[in-house]
Amino acid sequence: MIAKVPEYRRGMGIAIMMEHPVPGQGGRHRQTLSYGHPPDLNLSPRQAIAREVKDVRNIYCRQGLYTPQLRQSLQQIIELNRLTWRGIFDKGESAL
């Protein structure tokens, strides 16, 4: 976000907590595409959030844990980002 939104500062991001399965090692966060990798600056903010949400959904689906409650939580993450960063997640290049 720092590269795409001038007024964004570290710590202002919106996140979702992914629980750590017990017993287990590493947790679901380490299974995400973005874990340990720099952001793809070729993606628009809208594309980036869509990719991240799809990734989380796929992780939970693979584990048989994708529920209506999780779906609603992912929709809330999208909406909260959209409301917090008005215009950034709109369709089209004009949003940048």
N, C-alpha and C. Protein backbone atom coordinates (compact mmCIF):
# COMPACT_ATOMS: atom_id res chain seq x y z
N MET A 1 0.82 -1.20 0.00
CA MET A 1 0.00 0.00 0.00
C MET A 1 0.86 1.26 0.00
N ILE A 2 2.00 1.20 0.65
CA ILE A 2 2.85 2.39 0.72
C ILE A 2 3.19 2.90 -0.68
N ALA A 3 3.45 1.97 -1.59
CA ALA A 3 3.82 2.36 -2.96
C ALA A 3 2.64 2.91 -3.75
N LYS A 4 1.42 2.63 -3.34
CA LYS A 4 0.24 3.03 -4.10
C LYS A 4 -0.57 4.14 -3.46
N VAL A 5 -0.43 4.32 -2.15
CA VAL A 5 -1.23 5.30 -1.42
C VAL A 5 -0.30 6.22 -0.63
N PRO A 6 -0.12 7.46 -1.09
CA PRO A 6 0.85 8.36 -0.44
C PRO A 6 0.61 8.57 1.06
N GLU A 7 -0.64 8.64 1.51
CA GLU A 7 -0.90 8.91 2.93
C GLU A 7 -0.87 7.67 3.81
N TYR A 8 -0.63 6.52 3.23
CA TYR A 8 -0.57 5.27 3.98
C TYR A 8 0.74 5.18 4.76
N ARG A 9 0.65 4.73 5.99
CA ARG A 9 1.84 4.51 6.82
C ARG A 9 1.76 3.12 7.43
N ARG A 10 2.91 2.56 7.71
CA ARG A 10 2.98 1.24 8.33
C ARG A 10 2.12 1.21 9.60
N GLY A 11 1.40 0.14 9.77
CA GLY A 11 0.52 0.02 10.93
C GLY A 11 -0.91 0.45 10.65
N MET A 12 -1.17 0.99 9.47
CA MET A 12 -2.52 1.45 9.12
C MET A 12 -3.30 0.38 8.37
N GLY A 13 -2.66 -0.74 8.07
CA GLY A 13 -3.29 -1.79 7.28
C GLY A 13 -4.41 -2.50 8.01
N ILE A 14 -5.26 -3.12 7.24
CA ILE A 14 -6.39 -3.89 7.76
C ILE A 14 -6.06 -5.36 7.52
N ALA A 15 -6.21 -6.18 8.55
CA ALA A 15 -5.81 -7.58 8.46
C ALA A 15 -6.89 -8.50 8.96
N ILE A 16 -6.70 -9.76 8.70
CA ILE A 16 -7.58 -10.79 9.23
C ILE A 16 -6.70 -11.79 9.98
N MET A 17 -7.15 -12.22 11.14
CA MET A 17 -6.39 -13.18 11.91
C MET A 17 -6.69 -14.59 11.38
N MET A 18 -5.64 -15.34 11.12
CA MET A 18 -5.79 -16.72 10.68
C MET A 18 -5.29 -17.60 11.83
N GLU A 19 -6.19 -18.37 12.42
CA GLU A 19 -5.82 -19.14 13.60
C GLU A 19 -4.77 -20.19 13.27
N HIS A 20 -4.04 -20.55 14.30
CA HIS A 20 -2.99 -21.55 14.20
C HIS A 20 -3.58 -22.89 14.62
N PRO A 21 -3.59 -23.88 13.72
CA PRO A 21 -4.15 -25.18 14.11
C PRO A 21 -3.29 -25.85 15.19
N VAL A 22 -3.95 -26.51 16.12
CA VAL A 22 -3.25 -27.17 17.22
C VAL A 22 -3.58 -28.65 17.16
N PRO A 23 -2.66 -29.59 17.19
CA PRO A 23 -1.24 -29.31 17.09
C PRO A 23 -0.90 -28.93 15.65
N GLY A 24 0.17 -28.26 15.47
CA GLY A 24 0.57 -27.87 14.13
C GLY A 24 1.82 -27.02 14.16
N GLN A 25 2.31 -26.75 12.99
CA GLN A 25 3.52 -25.96 12.87
C GLN A 25 3.32 -24.93 11.79
N GLY A 26 3.59 -23.68 12.08
CA GLY A 26 3.57 -22.65 11.07
C GLY A 26 2.25 -21.94 10.88
N GLY A 27 1.16 -22.62 11.01
CA GLY A 27 -0.13 -21.98 10.85
C GLY A 27 -0.49 -21.67 9.41
N ARG A 28 -1.69 -21.18 9.22
CA ARG A 28 -2.22 -20.91 7.88
C ARG A 28 -1.57 -19.69 7.23
N HIS A 29 -1.17 -18.72 8.03
CA HIS A 29 -0.57 -17.52 7.46
C HIS A 29 0.65 -17.86 6.60
N ARG A 30 1.42 -18.83 7.04
CA ARG A 30 2.60 -19.23 6.27
C ARG A 30 2.24 -19.91 4.95
N GLN A 31 1.00 -20.31 4.80
CA GLN A 31 0.56 -20.94 3.55
C GLN A 31 0.12 -19.92 2.51
N THR A 32 0.01 -18.68 2.90
CA THR A 32 -0.45 -17.66 1.96
C THR A 32 0.62 -17.36 0.92
N LEU A 33 0.18 -16.93 -0.26
CA LEU A 33 1.08 -16.61 -1.36
C LEU A 33 2.02 -15.46 -1.00
N SER A 34 1.56 -14.55 -0.18
CA SER A 34 2.34 -13.35 0.12
C SER A 34 3.32 -13.53 1.27
N TYR A 35 3.21 -14.61 2.01
CA TYR A 35 4.08 -14.80 3.18
C TYR A 35 5.53 -14.89 2.74
N GLY A 36 6.36 -13.99 3.25
CA GLY A 36 7.78 -14.01 2.97
C GLY A 36 8.18 -13.50 1.60
N HIS A 37 7.23 -12.91 0.88
CA HIS A 37 7.52 -12.40 -0.46
C HIS A 37 7.18 -10.91 -0.54
N PRO A 38 7.94 -10.15 -1.30
CA PRO A 38 7.60 -8.72 -1.46
C PRO A 38 6.30 -8.59 -2.25
N PRO A 39 5.58 -7.50 -2.06
CA PRO A 39 4.33 -7.31 -2.80
C PRO A 39 4.58 -7.17 -4.30
N ASP A 40 3.62 -7.61 -5.08
CA ASP A 40 3.68 -7.47 -6.54
C ASP A 40 3.17 -6.08 -6.90
N LEU A 41 4.07 -5.17 -7.17
CA LEU A 41 3.71 -3.78 -7.43
C LEU A 41 3.09 -3.59 -8.81
N ASN A 42 3.05 -4.64 -9.61
CA ASN A 42 2.38 -4.57 -10.91
C ASN A 42 0.86 -4.71 -10.77
N LEU A 43 0.41 -5.17 -9.61
CA LEU A 43 -1.02 -5.33 -9.36
C LEU A 43 -1.60 -4.01 -8.85
N SER A 44 -2.83 -3.73 -9.25
CA SER A 44 -3.54 -2.60 -8.67
C SER A 44 -3.95 -3.00 -7.25
N PRO A 45 -4.27 -2.05 -6.38
CA PRO A 45 -4.74 -2.41 -5.04
C PRO A 45 -5.96 -3.34 -5.10
N ARG A 46 -6.86 -3.10 -6.05
CA ARG A 46 -8.04 -3.95 -6.21
C ARG A 46 -7.64 -5.38 -6.57
N GLN A 47 -6.69 -5.53 -7.48
CA GLN A 47 -6.22 -6.86 -7.86
C GLN A 47 -5.50 -7.54 -6.69
N ALA A 48 -4.74 -6.76 -5.94
CA ALA A 48 -3.99 -7.32 -4.81
C ALA A 48 -4.93 -7.85 -3.73
N ILE A 49 -5.95 -7.08 -3.37
CA ILE A 49 -6.85 -7.56 -2.33
C ILE A 49 -7.67 -8.75 -2.82
N ALA A 50 -8.05 -8.75 -4.10
CA ALA A 50 -8.78 -9.89 -4.66
C ALA A 50 -7.92 -11.14 -4.61
N ARG A 51 -6.65 -11.00 -4.93
CA ARG A 51 -5.72 -12.14 -4.90
C ARG A 51 -5.56 -12.67 -3.48
N GLU A 52 -5.40 -11.77 -2.53
CA GLU A 52 -5.21 -12.18 -1.13
C GLU A 52 -6.45 -12.88 -0.57
N VAL A 53 -7.62 -12.32 -0.86
CA VAL A 53 -8.87 -12.91 -0.37
C VAL A 53 -9.08 -14.29 -0.99
N LYS A 54 -8.82 -14.40 -2.29
CA LYS A 54 -8.96 -15.70 -2.97
C LYS A 54 -7.99 -16.72 -2.38
N ASP A 55 -6.79 -16.29 -2.08
CA ASP A 55 -5.79 -17.16 -1.49
C ASP A 55 -6.26 -17.69 -0.14
N VAL A 56 -6.75 -16.81 0.72
CA VAL A 56 -7.24 -17.23 2.04
C VAL A 56 -8.42 -18.19 1.87
N ARG A 57 -9.33 -17.85 0.98
CA ARG A 57 -10.48 -18.73 0.73
C ARG A 57 -10.01 -20.12 0.30
N ASN A 58 -9.04 -20.19 -0.60
CA ASN A 58 -8.53 -21.47 -1.08
C ASN A 58 -7.88 -22.29 0.03
N ILE A 59 -7.14 -21.63 0.91
CA ILE A 59 -6.51 -22.33 2.04
C ILE A 59 -7.58 -22.98 2.91
N TYR A 60 -8.60 -22.22 3.26
CA TYR A 60 -9.65 -22.76 4.11
C TYR A 60 -10.48 -23.82 3.39
N CYS A 61 -10.70 -23.66 2.10
CA CYS A 61 -11.43 -24.67 1.33
C CYS A 61 -10.66 -25.99 1.30
N ARG A 62 -9.36 -25.93 1.06
CA ARG A 62 -8.53 -27.14 1.04
C ARG A 62 -8.61 -27.91 2.35
N GLN A 63 -8.78 -27.19 3.43
CA GLN A 63 -8.82 -27.81 4.75
C GLN A 63 -10.25 -28.13 5.20
N GLY A 64 -11.22 -27.89 4.31
CA GLY A 64 -12.62 -28.18 4.64
C GLY A 64 -13.18 -27.27 5.71
N LEU A 65 -12.65 -26.05 5.80
CA LEU A 65 -13.05 -25.13 6.87
C LEU A 65 -13.71 -23.85 6.36
N TYR A 66 -14.00 -23.80 5.07
CA TYR A 66 -14.61 -22.59 4.52
C TYR A 66 -16.11 -22.61 4.84
N THR A 67 -16.52 -21.68 5.68
CA THR A 67 -17.89 -21.63 6.17
C THR A 67 -18.54 -20.31 5.77
N PRO A 68 -19.86 -20.22 5.90
CA PRO A 68 -20.51 -18.92 5.65
C PRO A 68 -19.96 -17.81 6.54
N GLN A 69 -19.57 -18.14 7.76
CA GLN A 69 -19.00 -17.13 8.66
C GLN A 69 -17.66 -16.62 8.12
N LEU A 70 -16.82 -17.50 7.61
CA LEU A 70 -15.55 -17.07 7.04
C LEU A 70 -15.78 -16.25 5.79
N ARG A 71 -16.73 -16.67 4.96
CA ARG A 71 -17.07 -15.91 3.75
C ARG A 71 -17.48 -14.49 4.12
N GLN A 72 -18.32 -14.37 5.15
CA GLN A 72 -18.76 -13.05 5.61
C GLN A 72 -17.58 -12.23 6.14
N SER A 73 -16.66 -12.86 6.84
CA SER A 73 -15.48 -12.15 7.35
C SER A 73 -14.62 -11.62 6.20
N LEU A 74 -14.46 -12.40 5.15
CA LEU A 74 -13.67 -11.94 4.00
C LEU A 74 -14.38 -10.80 3.29
N GLN A 75 -15.70 -10.86 3.20
CA GLN A 75 -16.45 -9.75 2.61
C GLN A 75 -16.31 -8.49 3.45
N GLN A 76 -16.28 -8.65 4.78
CA GLN A 76 -16.11 -7.50 5.68
C GLN A 76 -14.73 -6.88 5.50
N ILE A 77 -13.71 -7.70 5.30
CA ILE A 77 -12.35 -7.19 5.07
C ILE A 77 -12.33 -6.33 3.82
N ILE A 78 -12.97 -6.81 2.75
CA ILE A 78 -13.02 -6.06 1.50
C ILE A 78 -13.75 -4.74 1.72
N GLU A 79 -14.89 -4.79 2.37
CA GLU A 79 -15.69 -3.58 2.59
C GLU A 79 -14.96 -2.58 3.49
N LEU A 80 -14.33 -3.06 4.54
CA LEU A 80 -13.60 -2.17 5.44
C LEU A 80 -12.44 -1.49 4.70
N ASN A 81 -11.74 -2.22 3.87
CA ASN A 81 -10.67 -1.61 3.06
C ASN A 81 -11.25 -0.58 2.10
N ARG A 82 -12.35 -0.93 1.47
CA ARG A 82 -12.98 -0.02 0.50
C ARG A 82 -13.42 1.28 1.17
N LEU A 83 -13.99 1.17 2.37
CA LEU A 83 -14.46 2.36 3.09
C LEU A 83 -13.29 3.18 3.67
N THR A 84 -12.28 2.50 4.16
CA THR A 84 -11.13 3.19 4.76
C THR A 84 -10.31 3.91 3.72
N TRP A 85 -10.12 3.28 2.58
CA TRP A 85 -9.26 3.82 1.52
C TRP A 85 -10.13 4.14 0.31
N ARG A 86 -11.05 5.06 0.49
CA ARG A 86 -12.01 5.42 -0.57
C ARG A 86 -11.30 5.73 -1.88
N GLY A 87 -11.78 5.09 -2.95
CA GLY A 87 -11.26 5.32 -4.28
C GLY A 87 -10.11 4.40 -4.67
N ILE A 88 -9.38 3.89 -3.69
CA ILE A 88 -8.21 3.06 -3.98
C ILE A 88 -8.61 1.72 -4.58
N PHE A 89 -9.71 1.16 -4.16
CA PHE A 89 -10.12 -0.17 -4.61
C PHE A 89 -11.20 -0.13 -5.68
N ASP A 90 -11.44 1.06 -6.25
CA ASP A 90 -12.42 1.18 -7.32
C ASP A 90 -11.90 0.51 -8.59
N LYS A 91 -12.83 0.15 -9.46
CA LYS A 91 -12.43 -0.43 -10.74
C LYS A 91 -11.76 0.63 -11.60
N GLY A 92 -10.84 0.19 -12.44
CA GLY A 92 -10.22 1.10 -13.40
C GLY A 92 -8.95 1.73 -12.88
N GLU A 93 -8.13 2.18 -13.79
CA GLU A 93 -6.85 2.80 -13.45
C GLU A 93 -7.01 4.17 -12.80
N SER A 94 -8.17 4.81 -12.97
CA SER A 94 -8.36 6.13 -12.40
C SER A 94 -8.33 6.12 -10.87
N ALA A 95 -8.51 4.92 -10.27
CA ALA A 95 -8.49 4.80 -8.82
C ALA A 95 -7.09 4.98 -8.26
N LEU A 96 -6.06 4.80 -9.07
CA LEU A 96 -4.69 4.97 -8.58
C LEU A 96 -4.37 6.41 -8.63
